[in-house]
């Protein structure tokens, strides 16, 4: 299947997908975003080494990365590039948006 639940992915795979989509990003679409606002693929520099030890934090990180991959797929790729990627399979499944809502906890 082309898309899988976010829970099926680990952070390393999602970072790899995120970097790949950043490489495919359309410069004209990226130019829309002000530099340094956090939405541009220019900030893609994470690694799996940043995986939190806590399982809850890992789930939060994974779900955030799923959001970033979906955002990049929808908003950073030219329509032709996105269609080609989806038609060819691109070699790996893509995540769906996570369905879980993470509560903010303060101590």
Protein backbone atom coordinates (compact mmCIF):
# COMPACT_ATOMS: atom_id res chain seq x y z
CA UNK A 1 0.00 0.00 0.00
CA UNK A 2 1.20 3.51 -0.79
CA UNK A 3 0.29 4.99 2.60
CA UNK A 4 0.62 3.51 6.08
CA UNK A 5 -0.42 4.59 9.55
CA UNK A 6 2.06 6.90 11.24
CA UNK A 7 2.56 4.32 14.03
CA UNK A 8 4.16 1.96 11.48
CA UNK A 9 7.18 4.27 11.03
CA UNK A 10 10.25 4.90 13.15
CA UNK A 11 11.96 8.27 13.45
CA UNK A 12 14.96 7.25 11.31
CA UNK A 13 12.72 6.31 8.38
CA UNK A 14 10.72 9.51 8.73
CA UNK A 15 13.87 11.67 8.83
CA UNK A 16 15.02 9.92 5.65
CA UNK A 17 11.67 10.57 3.94
CA UNK A 18 11.73 14.18 5.11
CA UNK A 19 15.22 14.74 3.67
CA UNK A 20 14.21 13.08 0.39
CA UNK A 21 11.15 15.31 0.04
CA UNK A 22 13.28 18.36 0.84
CA UNK A 23 15.57 17.40 -2.06
CA UNK A 24 12.53 17.20 -4.36
CA UNK A 25 11.02 20.49 -3.13
CA UNK A 26 10.12 23.05 -5.77
CA UNK A 27 12.24 26.21 -5.28
CA UNK A 28 9.34 28.43 -6.37
CA UNK A 29 7.07 26.93 -3.71
CA UNK A 30 9.78 27.17 -1.06
CA UNK A 31 10.37 30.83 -1.91
CA UNK A 32 6.86 31.57 -0.61
CA UNK A 33 8.01 30.89 2.97
CA UNK A 34 10.05 33.54 4.78
CA UNK A 35 13.53 32.23 5.58
CA UNK A 36 13.76 30.93 9.14
CA UNK A 37 10.01 30.66 9.83
CA UNK A 38 10.25 26.89 10.50
CA UNK A 39 8.14 25.73 7.56
CA UNK A 40 10.85 25.61 4.96
CA UNK A 41 12.74 22.41 4.09
CA UNK A 42 15.90 24.44 4.69
CA UNK A 43 15.65 23.36 8.32
CA UNK A 44 15.79 19.61 7.63
CA UNK A 45 18.79 18.45 9.59
CA UNK A 46 17.57 15.91 12.14
CA UNK A 47 18.90 12.44 12.65
CA UNK A 48 17.72 9.28 14.30
CA UNK A 49 20.34 9.91 17.00
CA UNK A 50 17.94 12.51 18.36
CA UNK A 51 15.44 9.79 19.34
CA UNK A 52 14.14 10.40 22.85
CA UNK A 53 14.68 7.60 25.37
CA UNK A 54 11.15 7.99 26.76
CA UNK A 55 8.53 6.03 24.76
CA UNK A 56 5.95 8.81 25.09
CA UNK A 57 8.39 11.40 23.78
CA UNK A 58 9.35 9.06 20.96
CA UNK A 59 5.67 8.85 19.93
CA UNK A 60 5.40 12.64 20.01
CA UNK A 61 8.55 12.97 17.89
CA UNK A 62 7.35 10.31 15.41
CA UNK A 63 3.93 11.94 15.08
CA UNK A 64 5.53 15.35 14.53
CA UNK A 65 7.74 13.90 11.81
CA UNK A 66 4.68 12.32 10.15
CA UNK A 67 3.10 15.79 10.09
CA UNK A 68 6.27 17.23 8.52
CA UNK A 69 6.42 14.53 5.82
CA UNK A 70 2.76 15.03 4.89
CA UNK A 71 3.20 18.81 4.90
CA UNK A 72 6.22 18.55 2.60
CA UNK A 73 4.42 16.14 0.27
CA UNK A 74 1.39 18.41 -0.03
CA UNK A 75 2.90 21.91 0.12
CA UNK A 76 6.54 21.73 -1.00
CA UNK A 77 6.42 19.55 -4.12
CA UNK A 78 5.31 20.66 -7.55
CA UNK A 79 2.16 18.86 -8.65
CA UNK A 80 4.03 16.92 -11.35
CA UNK A 81 6.73 15.79 -8.90
CA UNK A 82 4.15 14.69 -6.34
CA UNK A 83 2.14 12.79 -8.97
CA UNK A 84 5.27 11.07 -10.28
CA UNK A 85 6.37 10.11 -6.77
CA UNK A 86 2.97 8.67 -5.93
CA UNK A 87 2.63 6.86 -9.27
CA UNK A 88 6.09 5.30 -9.17
CA UNK A 89 5.86 4.21 -5.58
CA UNK A 90 9.11 6.01 -4.85
CA UNK A 91 10.54 2.95 -3.17
CA UNK A 92 8.84 3.35 0.20
CA UNK A 93 5.49 3.89 1.84
CA UNK A 94 4.46 7.32 3.05
CA UNK A 95 2.86 8.08 6.40
CA UNK A 96 -0.68 9.19 6.99
CA UNK A 97 -1.31 11.96 9.50
CA UNK A 98 -1.32 10.62 13.05
CA UNK A 99 -4.72 10.20 14.65
CA UNK A 100 -3.58 10.62 18.24
CA UNK A 101 -3.63 13.94 20.10
CA UNK A 102 -0.75 14.41 22.54
CA UNK A 103 -1.64 16.27 25.68
CA UNK A 104 0.75 18.85 27.05
CA UNK A 105 1.88 17.96 30.56
CA UNK A 106 3.33 20.42 33.05
CA UNK A 107 4.81 19.46 36.40
